[in-house]
Amino acid sequence: MIDKLVSKKALEIESYKVEPKLSGIALDKNEIPWSLNERVKEALIKRIRTMEFNRYPDSNCTELKTAVSNYTGINTGRIAIGNGSDELINVILQAFIDPGDTMAMYNPTFSMYKIYGTICGAAIWEYSSDSNFELKLDEFITGLKRERPKLVILCNPNNPTGSCFELEEIEQILKEASGLVIVDEAYYEFSGLTAAGLLSRYDNLIILRTLSKAFGIAGLRVGYMLSCPQVISFIDRVRSPFNVNAFAQAAAIEVLEDKDTMTERVEIIKAEREKLAARLAELKGIQCFESRSNFILLRAPKSGEILDSLRKAGIYIRNFSDPALKDCLRVTIGSPSENDRFYEIVKEVLYEGAC
């Protein structure tokens, strides 16, 4: 009976696949390998003692917006806060996409855009990158001129490939786009590349960021959005009130004020990324794609065997069902010991039985 009641849009989509949280080494969700430092924990304990948990949280996230403004240099009138950047993606589409409107993106990229777009009834135009996941900008822009999408999605760095558009390319897309352009900078801290400097010139630019990655509070779900005040006003019309709980707001403020710890950890991750990529590239048959994020995408022979051996060892990485990602695995950069263990198992599988 239920399948006759569910909407056609819900029937069209496949749920986002998330492995259950298991004991072992988690290198599948692009989290950082460290918890909050002691100073932040102590500051949160002090905040908890004065919190009125019987009261709703600040719906406007006033103090948190100020902290984001201090971190980004962007005026609070250009900032919206979400229960993770996923919520903001959903709210943007609710605010600006009507059934039949076109959304443009390239493939492969973060799958939630296509899922939310389908739910909103959008027509999805996808530009398929080549076998090395390189996008030919002139072809992409030609497609944008032809399709005239209301919304263009650029994940920068891209997930799962780790590649980046340069600022000149983003600006060219902004100039040619007939609608809004979302630049998803979830992994900005690892790339150091941001389109924030273009906000004052392009009212059709939306930047999304998260505190789940470099700032290490994935469990609390806090993201933020930067755009022109008019776009922000429509987001505030559509989003749920009290969408970010009081504890998450408090934690977000504390980690944003602890920028030194974040920067130190990011530098460790970047160094480990380059070290692991170099070691993997030396293994027979492995193709490592250049990454400017906290993960590496690799194409490997025996990818299924590698995945099975890792799981048996209690190590979890990301496998993909998309045909464009055949034989590809994505590994999050973990601690040095976690990365070493991952490498050794991959090496064992590839050289098993070799003389």
Protein backbone atom coordinates (compact mmCIF):
# COMPACT_ATOMS: atom_id res chain seq x y z
CA MET A 1 0.00 0.00 0.00
CA ILE A 2 2.72 2.48 0.98
CA ASP A 3 4.46 2.24 -2.40
CA LYS A 4 1.24 3.48 -4.01
CA LEU A 5 1.15 6.53 -1.73
CA VAL A 6 4.77 7.65 -1.95
CA SER A 7 5.56 10.51 -4.34
CA LYS A 8 7.00 9.75 -7.78
CA LYS A 9 10.03 11.88 -6.89
CA ALA A 10 10.83 9.73 -3.88
CA LEU A 11 10.58 6.61 -6.05
CA GLU A 12 13.09 8.07 -8.52
CA ILE A 13 15.93 8.52 -6.06
CA GLU A 14 18.27 6.16 -4.28
CA SER A 15 19.14 7.02 -0.69
CA TYR A 16 22.60 8.34 0.08
CA LYS A 17 24.61 5.33 1.19
CA VAL A 18 26.27 5.69 4.60
CA GLU A 19 28.07 2.79 6.23
CA PRO A 20 26.98 2.21 9.85
CA LYS A 21 29.47 3.46 12.41
CA LEU A 22 31.59 0.48 13.38
CA SER A 23 34.62 0.04 15.57
CA GLY A 24 37.83 0.21 13.61
CA ILE A 25 39.49 2.82 11.41
CA ALA A 26 37.02 5.14 9.67
CA LEU A 27 38.53 6.49 6.45
CA ASP A 28 35.24 6.70 4.55
CA LYS A 29 33.51 9.97 5.50
CA ASN A 30 36.26 12.60 5.17
CA GLU A 31 36.35 13.35 8.88
CA ILE A 32 39.56 14.45 10.59
CA PRO A 33 41.11 11.89 12.97
CA TRP A 34 41.15 14.11 16.08
CA SER A 35 38.46 15.17 18.53
CA LEU A 36 38.17 18.64 20.08
CA ASN A 37 41.22 19.87 21.95
CA GLU A 38 41.08 20.28 25.72
CA ARG A 39 40.77 24.08 25.68
CA VAL A 40 37.65 23.91 23.52
CA LYS A 41 36.20 21.10 25.64
CA GLU A 42 36.69 23.14 28.83
CA ALA A 43 35.12 26.21 27.22
CA LEU A 44 32.11 24.12 26.18
CA ILE A 45 31.72 22.70 29.69
CA LYS A 46 31.54 26.27 31.02
CA ARG A 47 28.93 27.17 28.41
CA ILE A 48 26.83 24.09 29.24
CA ARG A 49 26.63 25.15 32.89
CA THR A 50 24.90 28.39 31.91
CA MET A 51 22.72 27.06 29.08
CA GLU A 52 18.94 27.04 29.44
CA PHE A 53 18.13 23.78 27.69
CA ASN A 54 14.42 24.36 28.26
CA ARG A 55 14.61 27.36 25.90
CA TYR A 56 14.76 27.31 22.12
CA PRO A 57 18.10 28.26 20.58
CA ASP A 58 18.78 31.63 18.95
CA SER A 59 17.00 31.23 15.61
CA ASN A 60 19.16 33.90 14.01
CA CYS A 61 22.45 32.36 15.27
CA THR A 62 23.57 35.91 16.09
CA GLU A 63 26.76 35.09 18.02
CA LEU A 64 27.72 32.34 15.59
CA LYS A 65 27.25 34.63 12.59
CA THR A 66 29.64 37.08 14.23
CA ALA A 67 32.20 34.28 14.68
CA VAL A 68 31.80 33.27 11.02
CA SER A 69 32.15 36.91 9.99
CA ASN A 70 35.37 37.23 12.00
CA TYR A 71 36.72 34.07 10.37
CA THR A 72 35.73 34.86 6.77
CA GLY A 73 35.85 38.66 6.72
CA ILE A 74 32.31 38.66 5.29
CA ASN A 75 29.57 40.89 6.75
CA THR A 76 26.95 39.11 8.87
CA GLY A 77 24.21 40.28 6.48
CA ARG A 78 25.73 37.97 3.88
CA ILE A 79 25.75 34.88 6.14
CA ALA A 80 23.19 32.12 6.76
CA ILE A 81 23.71 29.22 9.17
CA GLY A 82 22.45 25.68 8.61
CA ASN A 83 22.16 22.32 10.33
CA GLY A 84 25.10 21.16 8.24
CA SER A 85 25.65 22.44 4.71
CA ASP A 86 23.34 19.61 3.54
CA GLU A 87 20.40 21.48 5.04
CA LEU A 88 21.47 24.64 3.24
CA ILE A 89 21.62 22.78 -0.09
CA ASN A 90 18.05 21.60 0.48
CA VAL A 91 16.86 25.06 1.52
CA ILE A 92 18.50 26.76 -1.49
CA LEU A 93 16.70 24.39 -3.83
CA GLN A 94 13.38 24.91 -2.04
CA ALA A 95 13.84 28.68 -2.32
CA PHE A 96 14.87 28.86 -5.97
CA ILE A 97 13.88 25.69 -7.86
CA ASP A 98 10.39 25.07 -9.24
CA PRO A 99 9.43 21.76 -10.91
CA GLY A 100 10.92 21.69 -14.40
CA ASP A 101 13.70 24.20 -13.70
CA THR A 102 17.14 23.09 -14.85
CA MET A 103 20.10 22.44 -12.55
CA ALA A 104 23.58 21.99 -14.03
CA MET A 105 26.41 19.99 -12.52
CA TYR A 106 29.26 17.81 -13.64
CA ASN A 107 29.74 14.11 -13.05
CA PRO A 108 31.07 12.73 -10.78
CA THR A 109 30.39 15.12 -7.91
CA PHE A 110 28.70 15.21 -4.49
CA SER A 111 25.53 13.17 -4.98
CA MET A 112 23.22 15.07 -2.59
CA TYR A 113 22.75 17.85 -5.15
CA LYS A 114 21.18 15.43 -7.60
CA ILE A 115 19.09 13.82 -4.85
CA TYR A 116 17.68 17.13 -3.59
CA GLY A 117 17.22 18.38 -7.16
CA THR A 118 15.19 15.30 -8.07
CA ILE A 119 13.01 15.76 -4.98
CA CYS A 120 12.32 19.36 -6.07
CA GLY A 121 11.36 18.20 -9.57
CA ALA A 122 14.35 19.81 -11.28
CA ALA A 123 15.61 18.76 -14.68
CA ILE A 124 19.23 17.73 -14.09
CA TRP A 125 21.80 18.48 -16.80
CA GLU A 126 25.09 16.69 -16.14
CA TYR A 127 28.36 17.31 -17.92
CA SER A 128 30.37 14.10 -17.88
CA SER A 129 34.08 14.63 -17.32
CA ASP A 130 36.62 12.42 -19.08
CA SER A 131 38.20 9.24 -17.71
CA ASN A 132 40.71 11.33 -15.76
CA PHE A 133 37.85 13.43 -14.33
CA GLU A 134 39.00 16.57 -16.13
CA LEU A 135 36.38 19.11 -17.15
CA LYS A 136 36.80 21.04 -20.40
CA LEU A 137 35.65 24.51 -19.38
CA ASP A 138 34.70 25.69 -22.87
CA GLU A 139 32.45 22.65 -23.38
CA PHE A 140 30.87 23.12 -19.95
CA ILE A 141 30.13 26.80 -20.63
CA THR A 142 28.70 25.93 -24.06
CA GLY A 143 26.35 23.55 -22.28
CA LEU A 144 25.37 26.24 -19.76
CA LYS A 145 24.52 28.66 -22.58
CA ARG A 146 22.40 25.99 -24.27
CA GLU A 147 20.61 24.66 -21.17
CA ARG A 148 20.28 28.03 -19.34
CA PRO A 149 20.06 26.42 -15.87
CA LYS A 150 18.60 28.32 -12.94
CA LEU A 151 21.29 26.78 -10.71
CA VAL A 152 24.89 25.70 -11.45
CA ILE A 153 26.75 23.47 -8.96
CA LEU A 154 30.54 23.67 -8.60
CA CYS A 155 32.12 21.67 -5.78
CA ASN A 156 35.54 23.17 -5.17
CA PRO A 157 37.46 21.03 -4.27
CA ASN A 158 35.27 18.43 -5.90
CA ASN A 159 34.11 15.39 -3.98
CA PRO A 160 35.09 12.62 -4.74
CA THR A 161 37.89 13.59 -7.16
CA GLY A 162 39.67 16.26 -5.08
CA SER A 163 40.19 18.50 -8.12
CA CYS A 164 39.70 22.29 -8.16
CA PHE A 165 38.52 25.03 -10.45
CA GLU A 166 40.82 28.04 -10.46
CA LEU A 167 39.28 31.41 -9.56
CA GLU A 168 39.50 32.63 -13.15
CA GLU A 169 37.41 29.65 -14.27
CA ILE A 170 34.80 30.23 -11.56
CA GLU A 171 34.51 33.88 -12.55
CA GLN A 172 34.08 32.94 -16.20
CA ILE A 173 31.21 30.63 -15.23
CA LEU A 174 29.66 33.38 -13.09
CA LYS A 175 29.77 35.77 -16.05
CA GLU A 176 28.15 33.28 -18.42
CA ALA A 177 25.58 31.75 -16.04
CA SER A 178 21.96 32.77 -16.47
CA GLY A 179 21.12 31.86 -12.86
CA LEU A 180 22.70 31.22 -9.48
CA VAL A 181 26.08 29.53 -9.07
CA ILE A 182 26.77 27.48 -5.93
CA VAL A 183 30.46 27.05 -5.13
CA ASP A 184 30.61 24.32 -2.49
CA GLU A 185 33.77 24.92 -0.47
CA ALA A 186 33.31 22.16 2.10
CA TYR A 187 37.04 21.39 1.83
CA TYR A 188 38.24 24.99 1.47
CA GLU A 189 40.66 24.84 4.40
CA PHE A 190 42.61 22.05 2.69
CA SER A 191 42.83 23.79 -0.70
CA GLY A 192 43.23 27.41 0.40
CA LEU A 193 41.22 28.40 -2.68
CA THR A 194 38.04 30.44 -2.17
CA ALA A 195 35.64 32.45 -4.32
CA ALA A 196 34.71 34.68 -1.35
CA GLY A 197 36.51 37.63 -2.96
CA LEU A 198 33.99 37.52 -5.82
CA LEU A 199 30.91 37.98 -3.62
CA SER A 200 30.94 41.78 -3.86
CA ARG A 201 30.88 41.60 -7.69
CA TYR A 202 28.43 38.77 -8.34
CA ASP A 203 25.01 38.69 -6.68
CA ASN A 204 24.39 35.27 -8.26
CA LEU A 205 27.21 33.65 -6.27
CA ILE A 206 26.50 31.35 -3.31
CA ILE A 207 29.34 29.83 -1.28
CA LEU A 208 28.72 26.86 1.01
CA ARG A 209 31.06 25.73 3.77
CA THR A 210 30.96 23.31 6.69
CA LEU A 211 32.53 22.87 10.12
CA SER A 212 32.36 19.08 9.72
CA LYS A 213 35.70 18.71 7.97
CA ALA A 214 38.69 20.86 8.98
CA PHE A 215 37.05 22.09 12.21
CA GLY A 216 36.16 18.56 13.29
CA ILE A 217 32.57 18.85 14.55
CA ALA A 218 30.86 16.56 12.03
CA GLY A 219 28.76 15.09 14.84
CA LEU A 220 27.14 18.45 15.57
CA ARG A 221 26.10 19.37 11.99
CA VAL A 222 26.94 23.04 11.41
CA GLY A 223 27.38 24.66 8.01
CA TYR A 224 27.22 28.19 6.69
CA MET A 225 26.45 30.03 3.50
CA LEU A 226 27.83 33.26 2.05
CA SER A 227 25.90 35.25 -0.56
CA CYS A 228 24.29 38.61 -1.28
CA PRO A 229 21.78 39.93 1.31
CA GLN A 230 18.81 39.37 -1.02
CA VAL A 231 19.62 35.67 -1.46
CA ILE A 232 20.13 35.34 2.30
CA SER A 233 16.70 36.90 2.93
CA PHE A 234 14.98 34.25 0.79
CA ILE A 235 16.92 31.49 2.54
CA ASP A 236 15.69 32.82 5.89
CA ARG A 237 12.11 32.72 4.60
CA VAL A 238 12.34 29.03 3.70
CA ARG A 239 14.56 27.49 6.38
CA SER A 240 13.13 26.05 9.58
CA PRO A 241 13.25 28.25 12.67
CA PHE A 242 15.60 27.06 15.42
CA ASN A 243 17.40 24.90 12.84
CA VAL A 244 20.75 24.84 14.68
CA ASN A 245 20.62 23.63 18.28
CA ALA A 246 22.13 25.65 21.12
CA PHE A 247 24.98 23.24 21.85
CA ALA A 248 26.01 23.07 18.18
CA GLN A 249 26.03 26.87 18.01
CA ALA A 250 28.22 27.07 21.12
CA ALA A 251 30.67 24.46 19.84
CA ALA A 252 30.88 26.14 16.44
CA ILE A 253 31.76 29.47 18.05
CA GLU A 254 34.53 27.87 20.10
CA VAL A 255 36.17 25.99 17.20
CA LEU A 256 36.04 29.06 14.96
CA GLU A 257 37.88 30.98 17.66
CA ASP A 258 40.48 28.21 17.88
CA LYS A 259 41.80 28.77 14.36
CA ASP A 260 45.39 27.90 15.29
CA THR A 261 44.49 24.30 16.16
CA MET A 262 42.53 23.91 12.92
CA THR A 263 45.41 25.31 10.85
CA GLU A 264 47.95 23.05 12.55
CA ARG A 265 45.80 19.97 11.93
CA VAL A 266 45.16 20.90 8.30
CA GLU A 267 48.90 21.16 7.67
CA ILE A 268 49.40 17.67 9.11
CA ILE A 269 46.63 16.29 6.89
CA LYS A 270 48.07 17.95 3.78
CA ALA A 271 51.55 16.55 4.48
CA GLU A 272 50.09 13.07 5.06
CA ARG A 273 48.05 13.37 1.86
CA GLU A 274 51.13 14.05 -0.25
CA LYS A 275 53.10 11.29 1.48
CA LEU A 276 50.36 8.69 1.00
CA ALA A 277 49.68 9.72 -2.61
CA ALA A 278 53.37 9.36 -3.49
CA ARG A 279 53.57 5.89 -1.91
CA LEU A 280 50.38 4.67 -3.59
CA ALA A 281 51.48 5.98 -6.99
CA GLU A 282 54.52 3.69 -6.82
CA LEU A 283 52.35 0.57 -6.55
CA LYS A 284 51.68 -1.36 -9.75
CA GLY A 285 48.50 -0.39 -11.55
CA ILE A 286 47.46 2.32 -9.09
CA GLN A 287 46.29 5.65 -10.51
CA CYS A 288 46.14 8.43 -7.91
CA PHE A 289 44.23 11.58 -8.81
CA GLU A 290 45.71 14.85 -7.61
CA SER A 291 43.78 16.06 -4.57
CA ARG A 292 43.52 19.42 -2.87
CA SER A 293 41.32 18.05 -0.12
CA ASN A 294 41.58 15.68 2.85
CA PHE A 295 41.05 12.55 0.77
CA ILE A 296 42.54 10.74 -2.20
CA LEU A 297 40.66 9.12 -5.06
CA LEU A 298 42.47 6.18 -6.62
CA ARG A 299 41.74 3.78 -9.43
CA ALA A 300 43.06 0.33 -8.64
CA PRO A 301 43.20 -3.17 -10.07
CA LYS A 302 41.63 -5.65 -7.66
CA SER A 303 39.56 -2.82 -6.15
CA GLY A 304 37.02 -5.32 -4.82
CA GLU A 305 39.72 -7.42 -3.19
CA ILE A 306 41.31 -4.32 -1.68
CA LEU A 307 37.95 -3.27 -0.23
CA ASP A 308 37.30 -6.73 1.24
CA SER A 309 40.77 -6.98 2.79
CA LEU A 310 40.45 -3.54 4.33
CA ARG A 311 37.05 -4.38 5.83
CA LYS A 312 38.39 -7.61 7.31
CA ALA A 313 41.11 -5.51 8.95
CA GLY A 314 38.50 -3.09 10.31
CA ILE A 315 39.39 -0.27 7.91
CA TYR A 316 36.53 1.45 6.10
CA ILE A 317 36.93 3.50 2.91
CA ARG A 318 34.44 4.69 0.28
CA ASN A 319 33.43 2.56 -2.68
CA PHE A 320 31.25 3.94 -5.50
CA SER A 321 28.49 2.43 -7.63
CA ASP A 322 28.60 5.19 -10.28
CA PRO A 323 29.86 3.69 -13.60
CA ALA A 324 32.07 6.78 -14.05
CA LEU A 325 33.93 5.68 -10.90
CA LYS A 326 34.48 2.05 -11.88
CA ASP A 327 37.38 0.54 -9.90
CA CYS A 328 37.74 3.77 -7.91
CA LEU A 329 38.13 3.99 -4.15
CA ARG A 330 38.23 7.11 -1.99
CA VAL A 331 40.29 7.13 1.17
CA THR A 332 40.15 9.84 3.81
CA ILE A 333 43.51 11.00 5.13
CA GLY A 334 43.69 9.78 8.71
CA SER A 335 46.41 9.79 11.34
CA PRO A 336 49.92 8.73 10.22
CA SER A 337 49.48 5.25 11.72
CA GLU A 338 46.05 4.81 10.07
CA ASN A 339 47.44 5.86 6.70
CA ASP A 340 50.37 3.46 7.07
CA ARG A 341 48.05 0.56 7.89
CA PHE A 342 45.84 1.36 4.88
CA TYR A 343 48.86 1.49 2.57
CA GLU A 344 50.28 -1.81 3.79
CA ILE A 345 47.02 -3.67 3.14
CA VAL A 346 46.66 -2.21 -0.37
CA LYS A 347 50.25 -3.23 -1.09
CA GLU A 348 49.68 -6.76 0.26
CA VAL A 349 46.65 -7.28 -2.01
CA LEU A 350 48.37 -5.97 -5.13
CA TYR A 351 51.53 -8.01 -4.63
CA GLU A 352 49.92 -11.17 -3.26
CA GLY A 353 51.53 -14.19 -4.88
CA ALA A 354 54.24 -12.13 -6.56
CA CYS A 355 57.70 -13.67 -6.70
